[in-house]
């Protein structure tokens, strides 16, 4: 039977995803902390933190999972045209803190943000450890879009994106996916389904199949594909 597990500060182990709740979908555990070792352990097991201010840290592993394979990326004709115009410039890992800060800004369609100061600092620490990465989209010298996520083995786990100019975040995402494909990444975790992601080629994968892929693509001894190629 599914039940919520409370984590202790000392034990980094997570319960099996089989214990995740069906409603809300994927809620698995609460508590613990956002230390670098715990976050790495979580992602390797398909688990990610997501909670609102005032709540304890909540850990999720939903079923099904929204994923995208680099060779399944769909780029529309209009986006190909935008890319060819080169009106925006895309960089990697040039301003992680500004990207996560922009992702944390309030959205017109939501109240508040789940990217709390505590969460921002945790991923900045992950970035300093070489695990979390950012994509920046620039126009006329200004940061107009971007996204961040976590890279382990041959899997990139997307976390959040923002856009201050039309199609900026989409351009950043497409550029990232194409680069990941060149570096040998095989899977991109998009976590939750959206029409936007499905339009780019994302698909739903049963949780069991997703976890099987993670065991193959990012075991603890897996080489870091991002740092192997980015340096």
C-alpha atoms as a PDB file:
ATOM      1  CA  UNK A   1       0.000   0.000   0.000  1.00  0.00           C
ATOM      2  CA  UNK A   2       1.283   3.474  -0.873  1.00  0.00           C
ATOM      3  CA  UNK A   3       2.240   5.634   2.059  1.00  0.00           C
ATOM      4  CA  UNK A   4       4.287   8.759   2.735  1.00  0.00           C
ATOM      5  CA  UNK A   5       7.748   8.109   4.160  1.00  0.00           C
ATOM      6  CA  UNK A   6       9.390  10.717   6.371  1.00  0.00           C
ATOM      7  CA  UNK A   7      13.122  11.023   5.783  1.00  0.00           C
ATOM      8  CA  UNK A   8      15.664  11.618   8.507  1.00  0.00           C
ATOM      9  CA  UNK A   9      18.523  14.079   8.295  1.00  0.00           C
ATOM     10  CA  UNK A  10      21.193  11.370   8.416  1.00  0.00           C
ATOM     11  CA  UNK A  11      19.838   8.657   6.115  1.00  0.00           C
ATOM     12  CA  UNK A  12      20.118   9.451   2.384  1.00  0.00           C
ATOM     13  CA  UNK A  13      18.152   6.384   1.287  1.00  0.00           C
ATOM     14  CA  UNK A  14      14.746   6.801  -0.353  1.00  0.00           C
ATOM     15  CA  UNK A  15      11.872   4.318  -0.282  1.00  0.00           C
ATOM     16  CA  UNK A  16      11.086   2.325  -3.394  1.00  0.00           C
ATOM     17  CA  UNK A  17       9.000   4.173  -5.981  1.00  0.00           C
ATOM     18  CA  UNK A  18       6.421   1.428  -5.510  1.00  0.00           C
ATOM     19  CA  UNK A  19       5.461   3.265  -2.318  1.00  0.00           C
ATOM     20  CA  UNK A  20       4.571   6.487  -4.181  1.00  0.00           C
ATOM     21  CA  UNK A  21       0.998   7.670  -3.890  1.00  0.00           C
ATOM     22  CA  UNK A  22      -1.455   7.616  -6.760  1.00  0.00           C
ATOM     23  CA  UNK A  23      -3.104  10.809  -5.475  1.00  0.00           C
ATOM     24  CA  UNK A  24      -1.350  13.145  -5.544  1.00  0.00           C
ATOM     25  CA  UNK A  25       0.447  11.326  -8.335  1.00  0.00           C
ATOM     26  CA  UNK A  26       3.956  10.337  -7.349  1.00  0.00           C
ATOM     27  CA  UNK A  27       4.264  11.805  -3.860  1.00  0.00           C
ATOM     28  CA  UNK A  28       6.787   9.491  -2.211  1.00  0.00           C
ATOM     29  CA  UNK A  29       8.473  11.078   0.799  1.00  0.00           C
ATOM     30  CA  UNK A  30       8.836  14.203   2.913  1.00  0.00           C
ATOM     31  CA  UNK A  31      11.556  15.772   5.003  1.00  0.00           C
ATOM     32  CA  UNK A  32      15.289  15.275   4.829  1.00  0.00           C
ATOM     33  CA  UNK A  33      17.325  18.068   3.294  1.00  0.00           C
ATOM     34  CA  UNK A  34      18.537  19.420  -0.057  1.00  0.00           C
ATOM     35  CA  UNK A  35      22.195  18.503   0.324  1.00  0.00           C
ATOM     36  CA  UNK A  36      24.213  17.678  -2.788  1.00  0.00           C
ATOM     37  CA  UNK A  37      24.581  13.955  -1.907  1.00  0.00           C
ATOM     38  CA  UNK A  38      20.834  13.590  -1.241  1.00  0.00           C
ATOM     39  CA  UNK A  39      19.861  15.336  -4.472  1.00  0.00           C
ATOM     40  CA  UNK A  40      22.224  13.163  -6.504  1.00  0.00           C
ATOM     41  CA  UNK A  41      20.796  10.043  -4.857  1.00  0.00           C
ATOM     42  CA  UNK A  42      17.267  11.249  -5.556  1.00  0.00           C
ATOM     43  CA  UNK A  43      17.824  11.935  -9.247  1.00  0.00           C
ATOM     44  CA  UNK A  44      19.558   8.612  -9.821  1.00  0.00           C
ATOM     45  CA  UNK A  45      16.344   6.978  -8.574  1.00  0.00           C
ATOM     46  CA  UNK A  46      13.983   9.182 -10.584  1.00  0.00           C
ATOM     47  CA  UNK A  47      12.975  11.297  -7.592  1.00  0.00           C
ATOM     48  CA  UNK A  48      12.862  15.092  -7.455  1.00  0.00           C
ATOM     49  CA  UNK A  49      11.914  17.728  -4.825  1.00  0.00           C
ATOM     50  CA  UNK A  50       8.910  19.965  -5.359  1.00  0.00           C
ATOM     51  CA  UNK A  51       7.084  21.836  -2.613  1.00  0.00           C
ATOM     52  CA  UNK A  52       5.525  25.194  -1.817  1.00  0.00           C
ATOM     53  CA  UNK A  53       6.722  27.727   0.760  1.00  0.00           C
ATOM     54  CA  UNK A  54       5.604  26.678   4.229  1.00  0.00           C
ATOM     55  CA  UNK A  55       5.538  22.979   3.339  1.00  0.00           C
ATOM     56  CA  UNK A  56       8.159  20.394   4.297  1.00  0.00           C
ATOM     57  CA  UNK A  57      10.435  19.211   1.496  1.00  0.00           C
ATOM     58  CA  UNK A  58       8.330  16.878  -0.638  1.00  0.00           C
ATOM     59  CA  UNK A  59       9.831  14.230  -2.936  1.00  0.00           C
ATOM     60  CA  UNK A  60       8.089  12.933  -6.071  1.00  0.00           C
ATOM     61  CA  UNK A  61       8.308  10.104  -8.590  1.00  0.00           C
ATOM     62  CA  UNK A  62       5.180  10.303 -10.780  1.00  0.00           C
ATOM     63  CA  UNK A  63       3.772   7.626 -13.053  1.00  0.00           C
ATOM     64  CA  UNK A  64       3.882   7.922 -16.011  1.00  0.00           C
ATOM     65  CA  UNK A  65       6.938  10.083 -16.645  1.00  0.00           C
ATOM     66  CA  UNK A  66       7.278  12.621 -19.456  1.00  0.00           C
ATOM     67  CA  UNK A  67      10.535  12.074 -21.338  1.00  0.00           C
ATOM     68  CA  UNK A  68      12.173  13.067 -24.594  1.00  0.00           C
ATOM     69  CA  UNK A  69      14.860  11.236 -26.521  1.00  0.00           C
ATOM     70  CA  UNK A  70      17.243  13.542 -28.429  1.00  0.00           C
ATOM     71  CA  UNK A  71      16.591  11.711 -31.702  1.00  0.00           C
ATOM     72  CA  UNK A  72      12.859  12.267 -31.200  1.00  0.00           C
ATOM     73  CA  UNK A  73      13.079  16.069 -31.020  1.00  0.00           C
ATOM     74  CA  UNK A  74      10.564  17.818 -33.255  1.00  0.00           C
ATOM     75  CA  UNK A  75      11.491  21.301 -34.489  1.00  0.00           C
ATOM     76  CA  UNK A  76       8.811  23.216 -36.361  1.00  0.00           C
ATOM     77  CA  UNK A  77       9.495  25.099 -39.572  1.00  0.00           C
ATOM     78  CA  UNK A  78       8.960  28.428 -37.796  1.00  0.00           C
ATOM     79  CA  UNK A  79      11.535  27.515 -35.137  1.00  0.00           C
ATOM     80  CA  UNK A  80      14.018  26.427 -37.802  1.00  0.00           C
ATOM     81  CA  UNK A  81      13.574  29.834 -39.392  1.00  0.00           C
ATOM     82  CA  UNK A  82      14.134  31.585 -36.059  1.00  0.00           C
ATOM     83  CA  UNK A  83      17.284  29.556 -35.453  1.00  0.00           C
ATOM     84  CA  UNK A  84      18.667  30.400 -38.880  1.00  0.00           C
ATOM     85  CA  UNK A  85      18.094  34.110 -38.301  1.00  0.00           C
ATOM     86  CA  UNK A  86      20.505  34.021 -35.337  1.00  0.00           C
ATOM     87  CA  UNK A  87      18.796  36.920 -33.584  1.00  0.00           C
ATOM     88  CA  UNK A  88      19.378  35.204 -30.249  1.00  0.00           C
ATOM     89  CA  UNK A  89      22.545  33.605 -28.882  1.00  0.00           C
ATOM     90  CA  UNK A  90      22.528  30.471 -26.720  1.00  0.00           C
ATOM     91  CA  UNK A  91      25.196  29.615 -24.141  1.00  0.00           C
ATOM     92  CA  UNK A  92      25.704  26.892 -21.554  1.00  0.00           C
ATOM     93  CA  UNK A  93      26.694  27.351 -17.906  1.00  0.00           C
ATOM     94  CA  UNK A  94      27.496  31.049 -18.286  1.00  0.00           C
ATOM     95  CA  UNK A  95      25.103  32.466 -15.656  1.00  0.00           C
ATOM     96  CA  UNK A  96      23.452  29.718 -13.635  1.00  0.00           C
ATOM     97  CA  UNK A  97      22.413  31.936 -10.732  1.00  0.00           C
ATOM     98  CA  UNK A  98      20.630  34.437 -13.000  1.00  0.00           C
ATOM     99  CA  UNK A  99      18.794  31.632 -14.793  1.00  0.00           C
ATOM    100  CA  UNK A 100      17.476  29.974 -11.633  1.00  0.00           C
ATOM    101  CA  UNK A 101      16.563  33.381 -10.200  1.00  0.00           C
ATOM    102  CA  UNK A 102      14.563  34.179 -13.355  1.00  0.00           C
ATOM    103  CA  UNK A 103      12.868  30.761 -13.225  1.00  0.00           C
ATOM    104  CA  UNK A 104      11.789  31.578  -9.669  1.00  0.00           C
ATOM    105  CA  UNK A 105      10.023  34.800 -10.659  1.00  0.00           C
ATOM    106  CA  UNK A 106       6.197  34.772 -10.325  1.00  0.00           C
ATOM    107  CA  UNK A 107       4.241  33.591 -13.371  1.00  0.00           C
ATOM    108  CA  UNK A 108       1.001  35.225 -14.504  1.00  0.00           C
ATOM    109  CA  UNK A 109      -0.729  31.829 -14.398  1.00  0.00           C
ATOM    110  CA  UNK A 110       0.398  30.753 -10.916  1.00  0.00           C
ATOM    111  CA  UNK A 111       0.462  32.022  -7.361  1.00  0.00           C
ATOM    112  CA  UNK A 112       3.926  32.179  -5.859  1.00  0.00           C
ATOM    113  CA  UNK A 113       6.830  29.931  -6.807  1.00  0.00           C
ATOM    114  CA  UNK A 114       8.136  26.532  -5.754  1.00  0.00           C
ATOM    115  CA  UNK A 115      11.737  27.629  -6.422  1.00  0.00           C
ATOM    116  CA  UNK A 116      12.254  29.023  -2.940  1.00  0.00           C
ATOM    117  CA  UNK A 117      15.531  30.657  -1.816  1.00  0.00           C
ATOM    118  CA  UNK A 118      16.386  27.328  -0.147  1.00  0.00           C
ATOM    119  CA  UNK A 119      15.797  25.500  -3.429  1.00  0.00           C
ATOM    120  CA  UNK A 120      17.823  28.058  -5.400  1.00  0.00           C
ATOM    121  CA  UNK A 121      20.798  27.672  -3.087  1.00  0.00           C
ATOM    122  CA  UNK A 122      20.609  23.885  -3.270  1.00  0.00           C
ATOM    123  CA  UNK A 123      20.849  23.898  -7.068  1.00  0.00           C
ATOM    124  CA  UNK A 124      23.570  26.551  -7.051  1.00  0.00           C
ATOM    125  CA  UNK A 125      25.503  24.140  -4.827  1.00  0.00           C
ATOM    126  CA  UNK A 126      24.782  21.357  -7.327  1.00  0.00           C
ATOM    127  CA  UNK A 127      26.037  23.615 -10.116  1.00  0.00           C
ATOM    128  CA  UNK A 128      29.258  24.309  -8.229  1.00  0.00           C
ATOM    129  CA  UNK A 129      29.642  20.539  -7.866  1.00  0.00           C
ATOM    130  CA  UNK A 130      29.384  20.208 -11.655  1.00  0.00           C
ATOM    131  CA  UNK A 131      26.028  18.389 -11.563  1.00  0.00           C
ATOM    132  CA  UNK A 132      23.441  21.118 -12.296  1.00  0.00           C
ATOM    133  CA  UNK A 133      23.687  23.107 -15.522  1.00  0.00           C
ATOM    134  CA  UNK A 134      22.073  26.100 -17.161  1.00  0.00           C
ATOM    135  CA  UNK A 135      21.173  27.240 -20.657  1.00  0.00           C
ATOM    136  CA  UNK A 136      21.107  30.971 -21.327  1.00  0.00           C
ATOM    137  CA  UNK A 137      19.428  32.726 -24.250  1.00  0.00           C
ATOM    138  CA  UNK A 138      20.667  36.235 -25.025  1.00  0.00           C
ATOM    139  CA  UNK A 139      19.318  39.017 -27.219  1.00  0.00           C
ATOM    140  CA  UNK A 140      21.124  42.343 -27.585  1.00  0.00           C
ATOM    141  CA  UNK A 141      23.235  41.454 -24.563  1.00  0.00           C
ATOM    142  CA  UNK A 142      20.239  40.781 -22.309  1.00  0.00           C
ATOM    143  CA  UNK A 143      19.216  37.461 -20.778  1.00  0.00           C
ATOM    144  CA  UNK A 144      15.810  36.766 -22.350  1.00  0.00           C
ATOM    145  CA  UNK A 145      15.329  33.071 -21.674  1.00  0.00           C
ATOM    146  CA  UNK A 146      16.834  29.914 -20.312  1.00  0.00           C
ATOM    147  CA  UNK A 147      16.477  26.732 -18.336  1.00  0.00           C
ATOM    148  CA  UNK A 148      18.341  24.609 -15.823  1.00  0.00           C
ATOM    149  CA  UNK A 149      18.547  20.977 -14.843  1.00  0.00           C
ATOM    150  CA  UNK A 150      20.711  18.114 -13.639  1.00  0.00           C
ATOM    151  CA  UNK A 151      23.018  15.898 -15.718  1.00  0.00           C
ATOM    152  CA  UNK A 152      23.971  12.407 -14.526  1.00  0.00           C
ATOM    153  CA  UNK A 153      25.518   9.825 -16.807  1.00  0.00           C
ATOM    154  CA  UNK A 154      23.627   9.998 -20.093  1.00  0.00           C
ATOM    155  CA  UNK A 155      20.430  11.504 -18.659  1.00  0.00           C
ATOM    156  CA  UNK A 156      19.499  15.185 -18.350  1.00  0.00           C
ATOM    157  CA  UNK A 157      16.788  15.985 -15.811  1.00  0.00           C
ATOM    158  CA  UNK A 158      15.052  19.233 -16.750  1.00  0.00           C
ATOM    159  CA  UNK A 159      13.822  21.392 -13.891  1.00  0.00           C
ATOM    160  CA  UNK A 160      12.440  24.763 -15.007  1.00  0.00           C
ATOM    161  CA  UNK A 161      12.606  27.308 -17.802  1.00  0.00           C
ATOM    162  CA  UNK A 162      11.691  30.957 -18.339  1.00  0.00           C
ATOM    163  CA  UNK A 163      11.158  33.305 -21.248  1.00  0.00           C
ATOM    164  CA  UNK A 164      11.180  37.088 -21.542  1.00  0.00           C
ATOM    165  CA  UNK A 165      11.022  37.115 -25.337  1.00  0.00           C
ATOM    166  CA  UNK A 166       8.900  35.139 -27.777  1.00  0.00           C
ATOM    167  CA  UNK A 167      10.219  31.577 -28.257  1.00  0.00           C
ATOM    168  CA  UNK A 168      13.343  32.251 -26.173  1.00  0.00           C
ATOM    169  CA  UNK A 169      12.927  29.291 -23.827  1.00  0.00           C
ATOM    170  CA  UNK A 170      11.947  27.021 -26.733  1.00  0.00           C
ATOM    171  CA  UNK A 171      15.104  28.038 -28.594  1.00  0.00           C
ATOM    172  CA  UNK A 172      17.182  27.285 -25.508  1.00  0.00           C
ATOM    173  CA  UNK A 173      15.540  23.900 -25.061  1.00  0.00           C
ATOM    174  CA  UNK A 174      15.983  22.888 -28.704  1.00  0.00           C
ATOM    175  CA  UNK A 175      19.628  23.948 -28.677  1.00  0.00           C
ATOM    176  CA  UNK A 176      20.210  21.980 -25.492  1.00  0.00           C
ATOM    177  CA  UNK A 177      18.550  18.809 -26.796  1.00  0.00           C
ATOM    178  CA  UNK A 178      20.568  18.912 -30.018  1.00  0.00           C
ATOM    179  CA  UNK A 179      23.778  19.412 -28.030  1.00  0.00           C
ATOM    180  CA  UNK A 180      22.921  16.585 -25.639  1.00  0.00           C
ATOM    181  CA  UNK A 181      22.365  14.291 -28.603  1.00  0.00           C
ATOM    182  CA  UNK A 182      25.819  15.131 -29.954  1.00  0.00           C
ATOM    183  CA  UNK A 183      27.318  14.371 -26.534  1.00  0.00           C
ATOM    184  CA  UNK A 184      25.730  10.927 -26.362  1.00  0.00           C
ATOM    185  CA  UNK A 185      22.886  11.605 -23.954  1.00  0.00           C
ATOM    186  CA  UNK A 186      20.009   9.179 -24.497  1.00  0.00           C
ATOM    187  CA  UNK A 187      17.192  10.513 -22.337  1.00  0.00           C
ATOM    188  CA  UNK A 188      15.805  13.827 -21.115  1.00  0.00           C
ATOM    189  CA  UNK A 189      13.464  13.763 -18.128  1.00  0.00           C
ATOM    190  CA  UNK A 190      10.742  16.399 -18.484  1.00  0.00           C
ATOM    191  CA  UNK A 191       8.930  15.183 -15.333  1.00  0.00           C
ATOM    192  CA  UNK A 192       5.342  16.294 -15.928  1.00  0.00           C
ATOM    193  CA  UNK A 193       3.283  16.412 -19.166  1.00  0.00           C
ATOM    194  CA  UNK A 194       2.513  19.652 -21.028  1.00  0.00           C
ATOM    195  CA  UNK A 195       1.260  20.300 -24.549  1.00  0.00           C
ATOM    196  CA  UNK A 196       4.376  22.421 -25.103  1.00  0.00           C
ATOM    197  CA  UNK A 197       6.686  19.478 -24.400  1.00  0.00           C
ATOM    198  CA  UNK A 198       4.636  17.030 -26.461  1.00  0.00           C
ATOM    199  CA  UNK A 199       4.812  19.439 -29.408  1.00  0.00           C
ATOM    200  CA  UNK A 200       8.598  19.159 -29.205  1.00  0.00           C
ATOM    201  CA  UNK A 201       8.556  15.370 -29.295  1.00  0.00           C
ATOM    202  CA  UNK A 202       8.169  14.373 -25.644  1.00  0.00           C
ATOM    203  CA  UNK A 203       6.276  11.211 -24.773  1.00  0.00           C
ATOM    204  CA  UNK A 204       4.900   9.435 -21.713  1.00  0.00           C
ATOM    205  CA  UNK A 205       6.848   6.506 -20.281  1.00  0.00           C
ATOM    206  CA  UNK A 206       5.625   4.147 -17.540  1.00  0.00           C
ATOM    207  CA  UNK A 207       7.514   4.757 -14.309  1.00  0.00           C
ATOM    208  CA  UNK A 208       8.896   1.216 -14.202  1.00  0.00           C
ATOM    209  CA  UNK A 209      10.371   1.594 -17.691  1.00  0.00           C
ATOM    210  CA  UNK A 210      11.791   5.014 -16.782  1.00  0.00           C
ATOM    211  CA  UNK A 211      13.504   3.658 -13.673  1.00  0.00           C
ATOM    212  CA  UNK A 212      14.920   0.777 -15.713  1.00  0.00           C
ATOM    213  CA  UNK A 213      16.399   3.326 -18.137  1.00  0.00           C
ATOM    214  CA  UNK A 214      17.941   5.303 -15.271  1.00  0.00           C
ATOM    215  CA  UNK A 215      19.607   2.183 -13.883  1.00  0.00           C
ATOM    216  CA  UNK A 216      21.171   1.621 -17.295  1.00  0.00           C
ATOM    217  CA  UNK A 217      22.090   5.209 -18.187  1.00  0.00           C
ATOM    218  CA  UNK A 218      23.142   6.809 -14.901  1.00  0.00           C
ATOM    219  CA  UNK A 219      24.353   4.237 -12.366  1.00  0.00           C
ATOM    220  CA  UNK A 220      26.706   5.530  -9.650  1.00  0.00           C
ATOM    221  CA  UNK A 221      29.797   4.548 -11.670  1.00  0.00           C
ATOM    222  CA  UNK A 222      28.587   6.155 -14.934  1.00  0.00           C
ATOM    223  CA  UNK A 223      30.902   8.630 -16.625  1.00  0.00           C
ATOM    224  CA  UNK A 224      29.668  12.235 -16.614  1.00  0.00           C
ATOM    225  CA  UNK A 225      28.804  12.790 -20.279  1.00  0.00           C
ATOM    226  CA  UNK A 226      28.309  16.552 -19.847  1.00  0.00           C
ATOM    227  CA  UNK A 227      31.698  17.258 -18.285  1.00  0.00           C
ATOM    228  CA  UNK A 228      33.460  14.808 -20.610  1.00  0.00           C
ATOM    229  CA  UNK A 229      32.456  16.891 -23.608  1.00  0.00           C
ATOM    230  CA  UNK A 230      31.960  20.402 -22.259  1.00  0.00           C
ATOM    231  CA  UNK A 231      35.483  20.852 -20.908  1.00  0.00           C
END
